[in-house]
N, C-alpha and C. Protein backbone atom coordinates (compact mmCIF):
# COMPACT_ATOMS: atom_id res chain seq x y z
N MET A 1 91.41 101.20 84.77
CA MET A 1 91.53 101.70 83.46
C MET A 1 93.62 101.85 83.86
N LEU A 2 94.16 102.18 85.46
CA LEU A 2 95.49 102.23 84.91
C LEU A 2 96.44 101.07 84.52
N GLY A 3 95.87 99.83 84.63
CA GLY A 3 96.36 98.76 83.86
C GLY A 3 96.24 98.32 81.74
N VAL A 4 94.87 99.26 81.43
CA VAL A 4 94.53 99.18 80.23
C VAL A 4 95.12 99.54 79.37
N ILE A 5 95.56 100.65 79.57
CA ILE A 5 96.56 101.56 78.86
C ILE A 5 98.32 100.62 78.68
N PRO A 6 98.88 100.51 79.53
CA PRO A 6 99.85 99.77 79.38
C PRO A 6 99.93 98.05 78.56
N LEU A 7 98.97 97.49 78.47
CA LEU A 7 98.44 96.60 78.04
C LEU A 7 97.88 96.44 76.69
N LEU A 8 97.06 97.85 75.89
CA LEU A 8 96.78 98.08 74.92
C LEU A 8 98.56 98.13 74.31
N VAL A 9 98.97 99.06 74.87
CA VAL A 9 100.43 99.20 74.27
C VAL A 9 101.55 98.20 73.76
N LEU A 10 101.88 97.62 74.98
CA LEU A 10 102.27 95.98 74.60
C LEU A 10 101.65 94.96 74.05
N SER A 11 100.43 95.19 73.74
CA SER A 11 99.44 94.60 72.68
C SER A 11 99.76 94.36 71.69
N GLU A 12 99.93 96.17 70.78
CA GLU A 12 100.03 96.78 69.73
C GLU A 12 101.50 96.32 69.20
N GLU A 13 102.32 96.41 70.49
CA GLU A 13 103.75 95.88 70.06
C GLU A 13 104.12 94.75 69.52
N LEU A 14 103.47 94.12 70.79
CA LEU A 14 104.01 92.21 70.57
C LEU A 14 102.90 91.87 68.98
N GLN A 15 101.75 92.56 68.37
CA GLN A 15 101.33 92.23 67.25
C GLN A 15 102.62 92.62 65.93
N THR A 16 103.01 94.14 66.19
CA THR A 16 103.70 94.17 65.39
C THR A 16 105.27 93.53 65.23
N GLU A 17 105.78 93.71 66.21
CA GLU A 17 107.18 92.58 66.79
C GLU A 17 106.85 90.92 66.32
N PHE A 18 106.35 90.13 66.54
CA PHE A 18 105.66 89.18 66.37
C PHE A 18 104.41 88.91 66.14
N PRO A 19 103.86 88.90 64.80
CA PRO A 19 103.01 88.61 64.52
C PRO A 19 102.23 87.01 64.83
N PHE A 20 102.94 85.93 63.93
CA PHE A 20 102.86 84.79 64.82
C PHE A 20 102.72 84.04 66.07
N TRP A 21 103.74 84.39 66.72
CA TRP A 21 103.64 84.75 68.20
C TRP A 21 102.90 84.83 69.34
N TYR A 22 102.14 86.70 68.83
CA TYR A 22 101.12 87.79 69.54
C TYR A 22 100.31 86.52 70.46
N SER A 23 99.87 85.96 69.88
CA SER A 23 98.56 85.10 71.00
C SER A 23 98.98 84.84 72.19
N VAL A 24 100.76 84.06 71.41
CA VAL A 24 100.75 83.05 72.92
C VAL A 24 101.31 84.03 73.69
N PHE A 25 102.21 85.24 72.96
CA PHE A 25 103.13 86.18 74.68
C PHE A 25 101.48 86.74 75.18
N LEU A 26 100.52 87.28 74.22
CA LEU A 26 99.30 87.75 75.29
C LEU A 26 98.88 87.17 76.06
N GLY A 27 98.86 85.79 76.35
CA GLY A 27 98.19 85.03 76.84
C GLY A 27 98.95 85.03 77.98
N LEU A 28 100.34 84.55 77.69
CA LEU A 28 101.31 84.53 78.16
C LEU A 28 101.37 85.90 79.72
N VAL A 29 101.41 87.07 79.37
CA VAL A 29 101.30 88.34 79.60
C VAL A 29 99.79 88.12 80.74
N PHE A 30 98.72 87.99 80.52
CA PHE A 30 97.67 87.45 81.15
C PHE A 30 97.87 86.63 81.97
N MET A 31 97.93 85.56 82.07
CA MET A 31 98.95 84.99 82.76
C MET A 31 99.41 85.64 84.15
N ILE A 32 100.50 86.20 83.68
CA ILE A 32 101.73 86.21 84.56
C ILE A 32 100.78 87.82 85.56
N ILE A 33 100.20 88.42 85.08
CA ILE A 33 99.21 89.32 85.39
C ILE A 33 97.91 88.94 86.44
N VAL A 34 97.05 88.42 85.29
CA VAL A 34 96.07 87.09 86.58
C VAL A 34 96.97 86.84 87.97
N TYR A 35 97.78 86.07 87.86
CA TYR A 35 99.02 85.89 88.68
C TYR A 35 99.46 86.27 89.75
N PHE A 36 100.10 87.20 89.29
CA PHE A 36 100.67 88.45 90.15
C PHE A 36 100.01 89.66 90.99
N LEU A 37 98.70 90.48 90.30
CA LEU A 37 98.48 91.21 90.65
C LEU A 37 96.94 90.78 89.91
N PRO A 38 96.09 89.95 91.11
CA PRO A 38 95.00 89.54 90.87
C PRO A 38 93.65 90.37 91.03
N ARG A 39 94.36 91.22 91.73
CA ARG A 39 93.15 92.47 92.10
C ARG A 39 93.20 94.22 91.34
N GLY A 40 94.89 93.86 90.17
CA GLY A 40 94.64 94.91 89.34
C GLY A 40 96.20 95.48 89.87
N VAL A 41 96.30 96.87 89.27
CA VAL A 41 97.16 97.64 89.47
C VAL A 41 96.50 98.99 90.44
N THR A 42 95.00 99.00 90.37
CA THR A 42 94.83 99.31 91.61
C THR A 42 94.72 98.74 92.80
N GLY A 43 94.10 97.53 92.97
CA GLY A 43 94.61 96.47 94.01
C GLY A 43 96.06 96.64 94.82
N LEU A 44 97.35 96.79 93.78
CA LEU A 44 98.46 97.22 94.51
C LEU A 44 98.79 98.45 95.25
N VAL A 45 98.13 99.62 94.33
CA VAL A 45 98.42 100.54 95.17
C VAL A 45 97.51 100.59 96.10
N GLU A 46 96.64 99.86 96.35
CA GLU A 46 95.76 100.14 97.88
C GLU A 46 96.70 99.67 99.00
N ASP A 47 97.00 98.14 98.35
CA ASP A 47 97.84 97.43 99.25
C ASP A 47 99.11 98.25 99.58
N ALA A 48 99.83 99.09 98.77
CA ALA A 48 101.19 100.26 99.29
C ALA A 48 100.56 101.30 100.15
N TRP A 49 99.26 101.74 100.33
CA TRP A 49 98.90 102.28 100.85
C TRP A 49 98.34 101.76 102.33
N GLU A 50 97.70 100.57 102.04
CA GLU A 50 98.07 100.50 103.52
C GLU A 50 98.96 99.97 104.24
N ALA A 51 99.65 99.20 103.56
CA ALA A 51 101.09 98.62 104.25
C ALA A 51 102.02 100.18 104.71
N SER A 52 101.69 101.33 104.31
CA SER A 52 102.28 102.53 104.62
C SER A 52 101.60 102.98 105.84
N ARG A 53 100.73 103.01 106.07
CA ARG A 53 99.65 103.12 106.80
C ARG A 53 99.92 102.53 108.09
N VAL A 54 99.67 101.33 108.12
CA VAL A 54 100.44 100.13 108.84
C VAL A 54 101.60 100.85 109.46
N ALA A 55 102.75 101.11 109.02
CA ALA A 55 103.96 101.38 109.24
C ALA A 55 104.23 102.76 109.34
N THR A 56 103.21 103.62 109.25
CA THR A 56 103.48 104.57 110.38
C THR A 56 102.91 104.88 111.27
N LYS A 57 102.20 103.74 111.78
CA LYS A 57 101.09 103.96 112.85
C LYS A 57 102.85 102.30 114.35
N GLN A 58 103.16 101.58 113.56
CA GLN A 58 103.84 100.67 114.40
C GLN A 58 105.13 101.35 114.23
N LEU A 59 105.72 102.84 113.33
CA LEU A 59 106.56 103.57 113.51
C LEU A 59 106.44 104.92 114.61
N GLY A 60 105.12 104.52 115.02
CA GLY A 60 104.49 106.02 115.47
C GLY A 60 104.96 107.35 115.11
N ILE A 61 104.90 106.97 113.63
CA ILE A 61 104.80 108.58 113.12
C ILE A 61 103.75 109.21 112.89
N SER A 62 103.50 110.40 112.96
CA SER A 62 101.87 110.99 113.43
C SER A 62 101.65 112.60 112.08
N ASP A 63 102.32 111.89 110.96
CA ASP A 63 102.63 112.79 109.75
C ASP A 63 101.88 111.71 109.07
N PRO A 64 101.15 112.30 107.63
CA PRO A 64 100.51 111.65 107.01
C PRO A 64 100.94 110.39 106.59
N PRO A 65 100.53 109.62 105.72
CA PRO A 65 101.00 108.33 105.73
C PRO A 65 102.16 108.78 104.35
N LEU A 66 103.27 107.47 104.56
CA LEU A 66 104.27 107.40 103.61
C LEU A 66 104.43 107.90 102.17
N ILE A 67 103.18 107.10 102.14
CA ILE A 67 103.19 107.09 100.64
C ILE A 67 101.85 107.84 100.33
N GLY A 68 101.62 108.93 99.44
CA GLY A 68 101.34 109.55 99.36
C GLY A 68 101.07 111.34 97.97
N PRO A 69 99.93 111.19 98.57
CA PRO A 69 100.22 112.45 97.10
C PRO A 69 101.37 113.44 98.18
N GLY A 70 101.72 114.63 97.39
CA GLY A 70 102.86 115.43 98.60
C GLY A 70 104.07 115.27 98.46
N MET A 71 104.36 114.20 99.19
CA MET A 71 105.62 112.75 99.58
C MET A 71 105.84 113.74 101.17
N GLY A 72 105.65 115.38 101.33
CA GLY A 72 106.37 116.00 102.65
C GLY A 72 107.21 115.17 103.00
N LYS A 73 107.16 114.79 104.03
CA LYS A 73 108.11 114.43 105.69
C LYS A 73 108.71 112.59 104.90
N SER A 74 107.08 111.70 104.09
CA SER A 74 106.99 111.00 103.63
C SER A 74 108.52 110.36 102.72
N LEU A 75 109.55 111.53 102.14
CA LEU A 75 110.98 110.89 101.72
C LEU A 75 111.40 109.63 102.97
N PHE A 76 110.96 109.55 104.09
CA PHE A 76 111.27 108.49 105.14
C PHE A 76 111.74 106.81 104.43
N LEU A 77 110.61 106.93 104.13
CA LEU A 77 110.49 105.81 103.38
C LEU A 77 111.54 105.37 102.10
N TRP A 78 111.64 106.94 101.38
CA TRP A 78 112.59 106.19 99.93
C TRP A 78 114.29 106.14 101.05
N ILE A 79 114.44 106.58 101.86
CA ILE A 79 115.69 106.87 102.94
C ILE A 79 115.80 105.68 103.39
N ALA A 80 114.81 104.79 104.15
CA ALA A 80 114.60 103.37 104.73
C ALA A 80 114.97 102.50 103.45
N PHE A 81 114.81 102.86 102.51
CA PHE A 81 114.68 101.70 101.63
C PHE A 81 115.82 101.95 100.95
N LYS A 82 116.89 103.27 100.74
CA LYS A 82 118.21 103.22 100.81
C LYS A 82 119.03 102.68 101.67
N GLU A 83 118.63 102.41 102.97
CA GLU A 83 119.46 102.26 104.37
C GLU A 83 119.27 100.27 104.17
N ALA A 84 117.88 100.10 103.50
CA ALA A 84 117.80 98.44 103.60
C ALA A 84 118.91 98.08 102.34
N LEU A 85 119.05 98.40 101.57
CA LEU A 85 119.94 98.46 100.13
C LEU A 85 121.28 97.96 100.60
N LYS A 86 121.62 99.34 101.52
CA LYS A 86 123.19 98.89 102.55
C LYS A 86 123.65 97.72 102.50
N THR A 87 122.21 97.05 103.27
CA THR A 87 122.64 95.78 104.00
C THR A 87 123.09 94.52 102.86
N PHE A 88 122.85 94.41 102.13
CA PHE A 88 123.08 93.69 101.23
C PHE A 88 124.59 93.75 100.99
N PRO A 89 124.93 92.11 100.10
CA PRO A 89 126.29 92.08 100.21
C PRO A 89 126.59 92.97 98.74
N SER A 90 128.11 94.00 98.78
CA SER A 90 127.96 93.63 97.57
C SER A 90 128.27 93.03 95.69
N ILE A 91 127.88 93.75 94.58
CA ILE A 91 127.95 93.33 93.45
C ILE A 91 129.30 92.07 93.07
N PRO A 92 129.88 91.45 93.33
CA PRO A 92 130.89 90.99 93.08
C PRO A 92 131.35 90.98 91.18
N THR A 93 132.45 91.59 90.99
CA THR A 93 133.02 91.79 89.33
C THR A 93 133.55 90.25 89.14
N TRP A 94 134.17 90.85 88.18
CA TRP A 94 134.27 89.57 87.21
C TRP A 94 136.23 89.92 87.36
N PRO A 95 136.49 89.36 87.57
CA PRO A 95 138.17 88.79 87.42
C PRO A 95 138.33 89.62 86.17
N THR A 96 139.49 89.94 86.93
CA THR A 96 140.57 91.15 85.63
C THR A 96 141.48 90.01 85.31
N TRP A 97 141.84 90.05 84.07
CA TRP A 97 143.16 89.12 84.25
C TRP A 97 144.41 90.06 83.63
N SER A 98 146.06 90.10 84.68
CA SER A 98 146.61 90.83 84.03
C SER A 98 147.90 90.64 83.67
N PRO A 99 148.55 90.34 82.62
CA PRO A 99 149.52 89.67 82.18
C PRO A 99 150.93 89.46 82.92
């Protein structure tokens, strides 16, 4: 059910915006969903929950899993994500022209 509602909204939007290409775009969306989410949105949530459980076990954290209701001390996951983003090189900027 989690994936049906966004799919219905997308279907309606595609049908109103692209009436002639609607079926082609919807078919591409279905192909992408089947390829990237073969078990659906629920499978994606289950995978994230399992990865969180494994990460807590490997890190030796005895608190509840990193992803779940209430979040609590699970803010660790967000902090770890922000720290990982810092390791990426900075985004290049366009050279500015000065006369």
